[in-house]
Amino acid sequence: MNPRRALSYGLAALAFCVPLSIAGVNAALAVLTVGLLWLLSDRRERAAAAPALREAMRSPVLLALTAYVAWGVIASAAGVDPAASLRLFPKDAHKIWAFITIASALAAADFIWIKAPFATAMGLHAAVGVFQAVQEWTGGVERVRAHGFLHPVSYAEILGLGLIGAGSYLARADASQRDRRAARILLALTSAALVFSQTRAVVVAVGVAFLTACLLEPRWRRHSLKALLIAVCVIGFWEIMPTDGRNIRSLFSKSQNTSSHRARLVLWDVAARIAVDHPMTGVGPGRYRQTFELYHPAKLDSEGTWGNAHNLYFHQLAERGIPGLLAILTVLGLLFKGAWDAERTRRNGWSLWGVAATSAFLVMNLTEVAWQTEQVATLLIFIWLLGASPRPSREIL
């Protein structure tokens, strides 16, 4: 065993764990960190890997991410409860750790074997969600909602990013019939589980990813009619599932009790009013929940308080102020630009996955706060770095 081989195994472990568990993700990142320290302690290995490692650290995304985290510290110190906000610093720092560790490991690893571990874990997690949904439906519950081992929304966000990967692989990969068959099975499983999760924002985000892929890959445009028919079928199926009033019809309902999107309008309004009162530093990371009741004393959708604004951009504005919003927009903008540039240069399945997943991520955060969830953010960073990796696509197995 040498440090480069240890990095290869660590990347495989990360690929398997990232769809399943944040604890597994952290364990894999720890293995990668140890492997990198081992590599840096060996003079010969360090000299050989130095150019690739330096290139990995020059990413403008890393600089923007560092600025975002630094502003989080300032917003915490100036917020309504500095001690409580500063306790959330590790969640911000986790993203820097993940970015540096994965970027360095991809640059220095002996080999990169991630397709099979990732697809296996994603397929298993999707199958668990489908099984849960079928059980709930046959058990007569008011709302069927697949969730696997996670919160239903985080589960759907991970499924959506994995689904985009399976589609990108089919669009570009020069693979055997067996591998393409496996990718189709994964696509079917993740699609079914995503619909059963009943997370509408992610379904819409996957549609945006498909449009992005059509823009970049002309061969996909011939599937537009098929995609439209699938969308119609999903909408129809959604209407017959037990949804406890959270179906497509509720989006157009005038009833406050059956229209969850109206609650989101209130959450966004509260975030905007908080930002008016705290324009520069917000109320501090993690303090939206503490502040919500001051701006909205009445219950909303049967709940007395809410932990987030159900919109990343409003949420960041409320908790970190205008500079914090600009910081997260810079990070996400650089991610999208980097993925777009990589796709224009490389035009392989990994680069297509990177740009399609990044565009979907921007959209799903319009009604959720996926960036706040370490597991989802780490998966996005992993996908992005694979798409932008300077290593030839044939080396990513």
Protein backbone atom coordinates (compact mmCIF):
# COMPACT_ATOMS: atom_id res chain seq x y z
CA MET A 1 0.00 0.00 0.00
CA ASN A 2 1.25 3.49 -0.88
CA PRO A 3 -0.38 6.88 -0.26
CA ARG A 4 -1.67 7.20 -3.83
CA ARG A 5 -3.39 3.82 -3.56
CA ALA A 6 -4.87 4.84 -0.18
CA LEU A 7 -6.34 7.94 -1.87
CA SER A 8 -7.90 5.74 -4.55
CA TYR A 9 -9.62 3.58 -1.94
CA GLY A 10 -10.72 6.67 -0.04
CA LEU A 11 -12.37 8.10 -3.17
CA ALA A 12 -14.17 4.79 -3.76
CA ALA A 13 -15.41 4.85 -0.16
CA LEU A 14 -16.59 8.44 -0.57
CA ALA A 15 -18.45 7.55 -3.78
CA PHE A 16 -20.26 4.76 -1.94
CA CYS A 17 -21.04 6.75 1.21
CA VAL A 18 -22.12 10.10 -0.21
CA PRO A 19 -25.60 8.94 -1.32
CA LEU A 20 -26.20 7.18 2.00
CA SER A 21 -24.79 8.82 5.12
CA ILE A 22 -23.04 11.98 6.29
CA ALA A 23 -21.21 9.89 8.91
CA GLY A 24 -19.85 7.70 6.11
CA VAL A 25 -18.92 10.82 4.11
CA ASN A 26 -16.94 12.19 7.04
CA ALA A 27 -15.19 8.85 7.58
CA ALA A 28 -14.20 8.75 3.89
CA LEU A 29 -12.97 12.36 4.01
CA ALA A 30 -10.91 11.45 7.08
CA VAL A 31 -9.33 8.54 5.16
CA LEU A 32 -8.52 10.90 2.30
CA THR A 33 -7.02 13.44 4.72
CA VAL A 34 -4.77 10.80 6.25
CA GLY A 35 -3.76 9.65 2.75
CA LEU A 36 -2.86 13.19 1.75
CA LEU A 37 -0.81 13.75 4.91
CA TRP A 38 0.95 10.46 4.24
CA LEU A 39 1.71 11.55 0.69
CA LEU A 40 3.01 14.94 1.81
CA SER A 41 5.27 13.31 4.39
CA ASP A 42 7.09 11.35 1.65
CA ARG A 43 9.54 13.62 -0.18
CA ARG A 44 9.48 11.66 -3.44
CA GLU A 45 5.69 11.32 -3.53
CA ARG A 46 5.28 14.98 -2.58
CA ALA A 47 7.55 16.14 -5.39
CA ALA A 48 5.73 13.98 -7.94
CA ALA A 49 2.28 15.17 -6.87
CA ALA A 50 3.18 18.84 -6.26
CA PRO A 51 2.18 20.24 -9.70
CA ALA A 52 -1.21 18.54 -9.64
CA LEU A 53 -1.86 19.58 -6.03
CA ARG A 54 -0.93 23.21 -6.73
CA GLU A 55 -3.31 23.24 -9.70
CA ALA A 56 -6.10 21.83 -7.54
CA MET A 57 -5.63 24.61 -4.98
CA ARG A 58 -5.75 27.43 -7.55
CA SER A 59 -9.47 27.13 -8.18
CA PRO A 60 -11.30 30.48 -7.87
CA VAL A 61 -14.16 28.48 -6.33
CA LEU A 62 -11.95 27.68 -3.33
CA LEU A 63 -11.10 31.36 -2.88
CA ALA A 64 -14.79 32.35 -3.05
CA LEU A 65 -15.72 29.53 -0.68
CA THR A 66 -13.11 30.72 1.81
CA ALA A 67 -14.48 34.27 1.61
CA TYR A 68 -18.01 32.93 2.16
CA VAL A 69 -16.92 31.04 5.28
CA ALA A 70 -14.95 34.03 6.58
CA TRP A 71 -18.00 36.29 6.22
CA GLY A 72 -20.00 33.67 8.12
CA VAL A 73 -17.67 34.19 11.08
CA ILE A 74 -18.16 37.97 10.89
CA ALA A 75 -21.95 37.58 10.61
CA SER A 76 -21.89 35.22 13.59
CA ALA A 77 -19.96 37.67 15.74
CA ALA A 78 -22.33 40.51 14.85
CA GLY A 79 -25.54 38.44 15.04
CA VAL A 80 -28.25 38.21 17.67
CA ASP A 81 -26.62 35.23 19.42
CA PRO A 82 -22.90 35.08 18.53
CA ALA A 83 -22.10 32.01 20.63
CA ALA A 84 -24.87 29.94 19.04
CA SER A 85 -23.97 31.09 15.52
CA LEU A 86 -20.28 30.36 15.96
CA ARG A 87 -21.13 26.80 16.98
CA LEU A 88 -22.26 26.31 13.38
CA PHE A 89 -18.84 27.27 11.99
CA PRO A 90 -17.87 23.59 11.47
CA LYS A 91 -20.75 23.23 9.00
CA ASP A 92 -19.25 26.00 6.85
CA ALA A 93 -15.70 24.74 7.30
CA HIS A 94 -16.85 21.27 6.24
CA LYS A 95 -17.31 22.54 2.68
CA ILE A 96 -13.73 23.83 2.51
CA TRP A 97 -12.44 20.56 3.96
CA ALA A 98 -14.45 18.58 1.40
CA PHE A 99 -13.33 20.76 -1.53
CA ILE A 100 -9.61 20.71 -0.67
CA THR A 101 -9.56 17.02 0.21
CA ILE A 102 -11.49 15.78 -2.83
CA ALA A 103 -9.69 18.07 -5.28
CA SER A 104 -6.30 16.99 -3.96
CA ALA A 105 -7.24 13.31 -3.92
CA LEU A 106 -8.52 13.41 -7.50
CA ALA A 107 -5.26 15.04 -8.56
CA ALA A 108 -2.94 12.64 -6.73
CA ALA A 109 -4.75 9.27 -6.54
CA ASP A 110 -3.25 6.22 -8.21
CA PHE A 111 -6.56 5.43 -9.93
CA ILE A 112 -10.12 6.73 -9.64
CA TRP A 113 -12.73 3.99 -9.25
CA ILE A 114 -16.08 5.55 -8.41
CA LYS A 115 -18.74 4.52 -10.94
CA ALA A 116 -19.60 1.13 -9.49
CA PRO A 117 -19.52 2.19 -5.79
CA PHE A 118 -21.63 5.28 -6.44
CA ALA A 119 -24.17 3.54 -8.66
CA THR A 120 -24.50 0.63 -6.22
CA ALA A 121 -25.15 2.90 -3.23
CA MET A 122 -27.49 5.16 -5.17
CA GLY A 123 -29.47 2.20 -6.53
CA LEU A 124 -29.79 0.62 -3.08
CA HIS A 125 -30.93 3.88 -1.52
CA ALA A 126 -33.47 4.46 -4.30
CA ALA A 127 -34.80 0.89 -3.92
CA VAL A 128 -35.26 1.41 -0.17
CA GLY A 129 -37.27 4.57 -0.87
CA VAL A 130 -39.51 2.83 -3.40
CA PHE A 131 -40.13 0.01 -0.91
CA GLN A 132 -41.03 2.54 1.80
CA ALA A 133 -43.47 4.33 -0.50
CA VAL A 134 -45.22 1.12 -1.57
CA GLN A 135 -45.55 0.08 2.08
CA GLU A 136 -47.02 3.46 3.02
CA TRP A 137 -49.44 3.47 0.10
CA THR A 138 -50.73 -0.02 0.84
CA GLY A 139 -50.88 0.87 4.55
CA GLY A 140 -53.36 3.66 3.90
CA VAL A 141 -51.28 6.64 5.09
CA GLU A 142 -52.39 10.17 4.22
CA ARG A 143 -49.18 10.97 2.42
CA VAL A 144 -46.74 8.66 0.69
CA ARG A 145 -43.19 10.01 1.01
CA ALA A 146 -40.02 8.02 0.31
CA HIS A 147 -37.04 9.11 2.39
CA GLY A 148 -34.55 6.24 2.57
CA PHE A 149 -32.23 6.92 5.49
CA LEU A 150 -32.51 10.72 5.29
CA HIS A 151 -34.96 13.59 5.53
CA PRO A 152 -37.29 13.33 2.49
CA VAL A 153 -36.05 16.63 0.99
CA SER A 154 -32.34 15.79 1.36
CA TYR A 155 -33.11 12.32 0.01
CA ALA A 156 -34.76 13.82 -3.06
CA GLU A 157 -31.90 16.27 -3.64
CA ILE A 158 -29.36 13.45 -3.61
CA LEU A 159 -31.55 11.28 -5.83
CA GLY A 160 -31.96 14.14 -8.29
CA LEU A 161 -28.21 14.69 -8.59
CA GLY A 162 -27.66 10.93 -9.02
CA LEU A 163 -30.40 10.68 -11.63
CA ILE A 164 -28.72 13.44 -13.63
CA GLY A 165 -25.48 11.47 -13.46
CA ALA A 166 -27.09 8.33 -14.88
CA GLY A 167 -28.61 10.35 -17.72
CA SER A 168 -25.29 12.06 -18.48
CA TYR A 169 -23.53 8.69 -18.56
CA LEU A 170 -26.03 7.39 -21.09
CA ALA A 171 -25.71 10.55 -23.16
CA ARG A 172 -21.94 10.45 -23.53
CA ALA A 173 -20.27 7.29 -22.25
CA ASP A 174 -18.79 4.83 -24.70
CA ALA A 175 -19.76 1.90 -22.50
CA SER A 176 -20.61 -1.76 -22.88
CA GLN A 177 -24.20 -2.86 -23.23
CA ARG A 178 -24.07 -4.25 -19.71
CA ASP A 179 -22.98 -0.90 -18.25
CA ARG A 180 -25.60 0.97 -20.23
CA ARG A 181 -28.25 -1.45 -19.01
CA ALA A 182 -27.13 -0.85 -15.43
CA ALA A 183 -27.31 2.92 -16.00
CA ARG A 184 -30.88 2.59 -17.33
CA ILE A 185 -31.89 0.55 -14.27
CA LEU A 186 -30.37 3.20 -12.00
CA LEU A 187 -32.18 5.92 -13.94
CA ALA A 188 -35.50 4.10 -13.51
CA LEU A 189 -34.98 3.44 -9.79
CA THR A 190 -33.91 6.98 -8.94
CA SER A 191 -36.75 8.45 -11.01
CA ALA A 192 -39.35 6.31 -9.22
CA ALA A 193 -37.94 7.10 -5.78
CA LEU A 194 -37.76 10.81 -6.62
CA VAL A 195 -41.42 10.90 -7.58
CA PHE A 196 -42.35 8.99 -4.42
CA SER A 197 -40.37 11.49 -2.33
CA GLN A 198 -42.88 14.15 -3.46
CA THR A 199 -40.29 16.92 -3.50
CA ARG A 200 -41.55 19.13 -6.28
CA ALA A 201 -38.60 21.52 -6.41
CA VAL A 202 -36.18 18.70 -7.19
CA VAL A 203 -38.42 17.32 -9.93
CA VAL A 204 -38.48 20.78 -11.52
CA ALA A 205 -34.70 21.05 -11.07
CA VAL A 206 -34.20 17.74 -12.90
CA GLY A 207 -36.28 19.19 -15.74
CA VAL A 208 -33.95 22.20 -15.84
CA ALA A 209 -30.97 19.84 -15.94
CA PHE A 210 -32.55 18.08 -18.93
CA LEU A 211 -32.98 21.41 -20.72
CA THR A 212 -29.33 22.26 -19.98
CA ALA A 213 -28.27 18.89 -21.40
CA CYS A 214 -30.37 19.50 -24.53
CA LEU A 215 -28.67 22.85 -24.99
CA LEU A 216 -25.23 21.28 -24.76
CA GLU A 217 -25.86 17.87 -26.31
CA PRO A 218 -27.83 18.04 -29.61
CA ARG A 219 -28.50 14.30 -29.56
CA TRP A 220 -30.66 14.76 -26.49
CA ARG A 221 -33.03 17.13 -28.24
CA ARG A 222 -34.69 14.21 -29.98
CA HIS A 223 -35.84 13.02 -26.55
CA SER A 224 -37.79 16.24 -25.88
CA LEU A 225 -41.20 14.80 -26.76
CA LYS A 226 -40.50 11.72 -24.66
CA ALA A 227 -39.49 13.95 -21.73
CA LEU A 228 -42.69 15.97 -22.10
CA LEU A 229 -44.80 12.80 -22.04
CA ILE A 230 -42.95 11.58 -18.94
CA ALA A 231 -43.60 14.93 -17.25
CA VAL A 232 -47.33 14.67 -18.01
CA CYS A 233 -47.40 11.12 -16.63
CA VAL A 234 -45.60 12.22 -13.46
CA ILE A 235 -48.09 15.04 -12.92
CA GLY A 236 -50.98 12.63 -13.44
CA PHE A 237 -49.48 10.05 -11.10
CA TRP A 238 -48.86 12.73 -8.47
CA GLU A 239 -52.58 13.51 -8.46
CA ILE A 240 -53.58 9.94 -7.55
CA MET A 241 -50.92 9.42 -4.86
CA PRO A 242 -51.82 10.11 -1.23
CA THR A 243 -50.38 13.61 -0.80
CA ASP A 244 -52.31 15.05 2.16
CA GLY A 245 -53.19 18.09 0.06
CA ARG A 246 -49.62 18.71 -1.21
CA ASN A 247 -50.28 17.75 -4.82
CA ILE A 248 -50.02 19.75 -8.02
CA ARG A 249 -53.60 21.05 -7.67
CA SER A 250 -52.70 22.70 -4.37
CA LEU A 251 -50.37 25.08 -6.19
CA PHE A 252 -53.45 26.74 -7.71
CA SER A 253 -55.70 26.46 -4.67
CA LYS A 254 -56.95 29.57 -2.88
CA SER A 255 -57.20 27.69 0.42
CA GLN A 256 -54.50 28.61 2.92
CA ASN A 257 -54.76 25.12 4.43
CA THR A 258 -53.99 23.20 1.26
CA SER A 259 -51.42 25.44 -0.36
CA SER A 260 -47.92 24.93 1.04
CA HIS A 261 -46.42 27.38 -1.44
CA ARG A 262 -48.32 30.19 0.29
CA ALA A 263 -46.46 29.35 3.49
CA ARG A 264 -43.21 29.77 1.60
CA LEU A 265 -44.26 33.26 0.53
CA VAL A 266 -44.61 34.13 4.21
CA LEU A 267 -41.19 32.64 4.98
CA TRP A 268 -39.61 34.70 2.21
CA ASP A 269 -41.39 37.83 3.42
CA VAL A 270 -40.06 37.26 6.95
CA ALA A 271 -36.53 36.80 5.57
CA ALA A 272 -36.82 40.04 3.59
CA ARG A 273 -38.03 41.96 6.65
CA ILE A 274 -35.19 40.55 8.74
CA ALA A 275 -32.75 41.71 6.05
CA VAL A 276 -34.23 45.23 6.09
CA ASP A 277 -33.56 45.41 9.83
CA HIS A 278 -30.13 43.70 9.62
CA PRO A 279 -28.84 44.52 6.12
CA MET A 280 -25.08 44.08 6.60
CA THR A 281 -24.58 41.00 8.76
CA GLY A 282 -28.05 39.53 9.14
CA VAL A 283 -29.07 37.88 12.41
CA GLY A 284 -26.25 35.32 12.24
CA PRO A 285 -25.98 31.78 10.84
CA GLY A 286 -28.61 29.47 12.26
CA ARG A 287 -30.62 32.28 13.83
CA TYR A 288 -33.53 32.42 11.39
CA ARG A 289 -35.45 30.01 13.63
CA GLN A 290 -34.80 32.13 16.72
CA THR A 291 -35.91 35.29 14.93
CA PHE A 292 -38.90 33.95 13.00
CA GLU A 293 -41.41 34.17 15.83
CA LEU A 294 -40.57 37.84 16.42
CA TYR A 295 -41.65 38.68 12.87
CA HIS A 296 -44.49 36.14 12.62
CA PRO A 297 -45.99 35.31 16.04
CA ALA A 298 -48.91 33.31 14.60
CA LYS A 299 -48.64 29.68 13.55
CA LEU A 300 -47.84 29.01 9.90
CA ASP A 301 -49.03 25.79 8.28
CA SER A 302 -49.70 24.39 11.79
CA GLU A 303 -46.14 25.13 12.97
CA GLY A 304 -45.12 27.80 15.45
CA THR A 305 -41.58 28.35 14.20
CA TRP A 306 -39.51 27.58 11.10
CA GLY A 307 -35.83 26.79 10.91
CA ASN A 308 -35.19 28.15 7.42
CA ALA A 309 -36.70 30.38 4.78
CA HIS A 310 -37.18 27.53 2.27
CA ASN A 311 -35.15 29.52 -0.22
CA LEU A 312 -31.36 29.52 0.07
CA TYR A 313 -31.00 33.04 -1.27
CA PHE A 314 -33.54 34.61 1.09
CA HIS A 315 -32.15 32.49 3.92
CA GLN A 316 -28.59 33.68 3.36
CA LEU A 317 -29.80 37.27 3.10
CA ALA A 318 -31.60 37.00 6.46
CA GLU A 319 -28.78 35.25 8.32
CA ARG A 320 -25.67 36.81 6.69
CA GLY A 321 -26.88 40.07 5.21
CA ILE A 322 -26.25 41.47 1.74
CA PRO A 323 -22.51 40.57 1.71
CA GLY A 324 -23.41 37.00 2.68
CA LEU A 325 -25.90 36.77 -0.16
CA LEU A 326 -23.31 38.14 -2.59
CA ALA A 327 -20.78 35.61 -1.26
CA ILE A 328 -23.01 32.57 -1.84
CA LEU A 329 -24.06 33.89 -5.26
CA THR A 330 -20.36 34.21 -6.14
CA VAL A 331 -19.63 30.64 -5.03
CA LEU A 332 -22.55 29.17 -6.95
CA GLY A 333 -21.90 31.41 -9.96
CA LEU A 334 -18.27 30.28 -10.14
CA LEU A 335 -19.37 26.67 -9.81
CA PHE A 336 -21.74 27.07 -12.74
CA LYS A 337 -19.20 28.96 -14.85
CA GLY A 338 -16.49 26.41 -14.09
CA ALA A 339 -18.80 23.53 -14.96
CA TRP A 340 -19.89 25.25 -18.18
CA ASP A 341 -16.29 25.94 -19.23
CA ALA A 342 -15.30 22.35 -18.43
CA GLU A 343 -18.14 21.03 -20.56
CA ARG A 344 -17.21 23.25 -23.49
CA THR A 345 -13.62 21.98 -23.25
CA ARG A 346 -13.97 18.31 -22.32
CA ARG A 347 -17.42 17.23 -23.59
CA ASN A 348 -17.56 13.92 -21.73
CA GLY A 349 -20.10 12.36 -19.41
CA TRP A 350 -18.44 13.78 -16.30
CA SER A 351 -18.43 17.36 -17.57
CA LEU A 352 -22.07 17.08 -18.72
CA TRP A 353 -23.02 15.76 -15.28
CA GLY A 354 -21.18 18.66 -13.67
CA VAL A 355 -22.94 21.43 -15.57
CA ALA A 356 -26.38 19.78 -15.53
CA ALA A 357 -26.16 19.04 -11.80
CA THR A 358 -24.99 22.58 -11.00
CA SER A 359 -27.87 24.13 -12.96
CA ALA A 360 -30.32 21.84 -11.14
CA PHE A 361 -28.78 22.77 -7.79
CA LEU A 362 -29.33 26.47 -8.48
CA VAL A 363 -33.01 25.80 -9.13
CA MET A 364 -33.72 23.41 -6.25
CA ASN A 365 -32.44 26.06 -3.84
CA LEU A 366 -35.25 28.39 -4.90
CA THR A 367 -37.57 26.56 -2.49
CA GLU A 368 -35.09 24.65 -0.32
CA VAL A 369 -31.70 25.20 1.34
CA ALA A 370 -29.71 22.28 -0.09
CA TRP A 371 -26.42 24.15 0.40
CA GLN A 372 -27.01 24.06 4.17
CA THR A 373 -26.95 20.23 4.18
CA GLU A 374 -23.37 18.95 4.32
CA GLN A 375 -24.14 15.66 2.58
CA VAL A 376 -25.86 17.31 -0.38
CA ALA A 377 -23.23 20.06 -0.64
CA THR A 378 -20.43 17.46 -0.56
CA LEU A 379 -22.11 15.49 -3.34
CA LEU A 380 -22.35 18.63 -5.49
CA ILE A 381 -18.68 19.45 -4.83
CA PHE A 382 -17.71 15.86 -5.70
CA ILE A 383 -19.68 15.97 -8.96
CA TRP A 384 -18.30 19.38 -9.87
CA LEU A 385 -14.70 18.36 -9.24
CA LEU A 386 -15.16 15.20 -11.31
CA GLY A 387 -16.52 17.27 -14.18
CA ALA A 388 -13.72 19.82 -13.94
CA SER A 389 -10.96 17.28 -13.22
CA PRO A 390 -7.87 17.75 -15.41
CA ARG A 391 -7.42 13.98 -15.52
CA PRO A 392 -8.64 12.32 -18.75
CA SER A 393 -12.12 10.82 -18.48
CA ARG A 394 -10.73 7.36 -19.31
CA GLU A 395 -8.87 7.44 -15.99
CA ILE A 396 -12.13 7.81 -14.04
CA LEU A 397 -13.40 4.25 -13.79
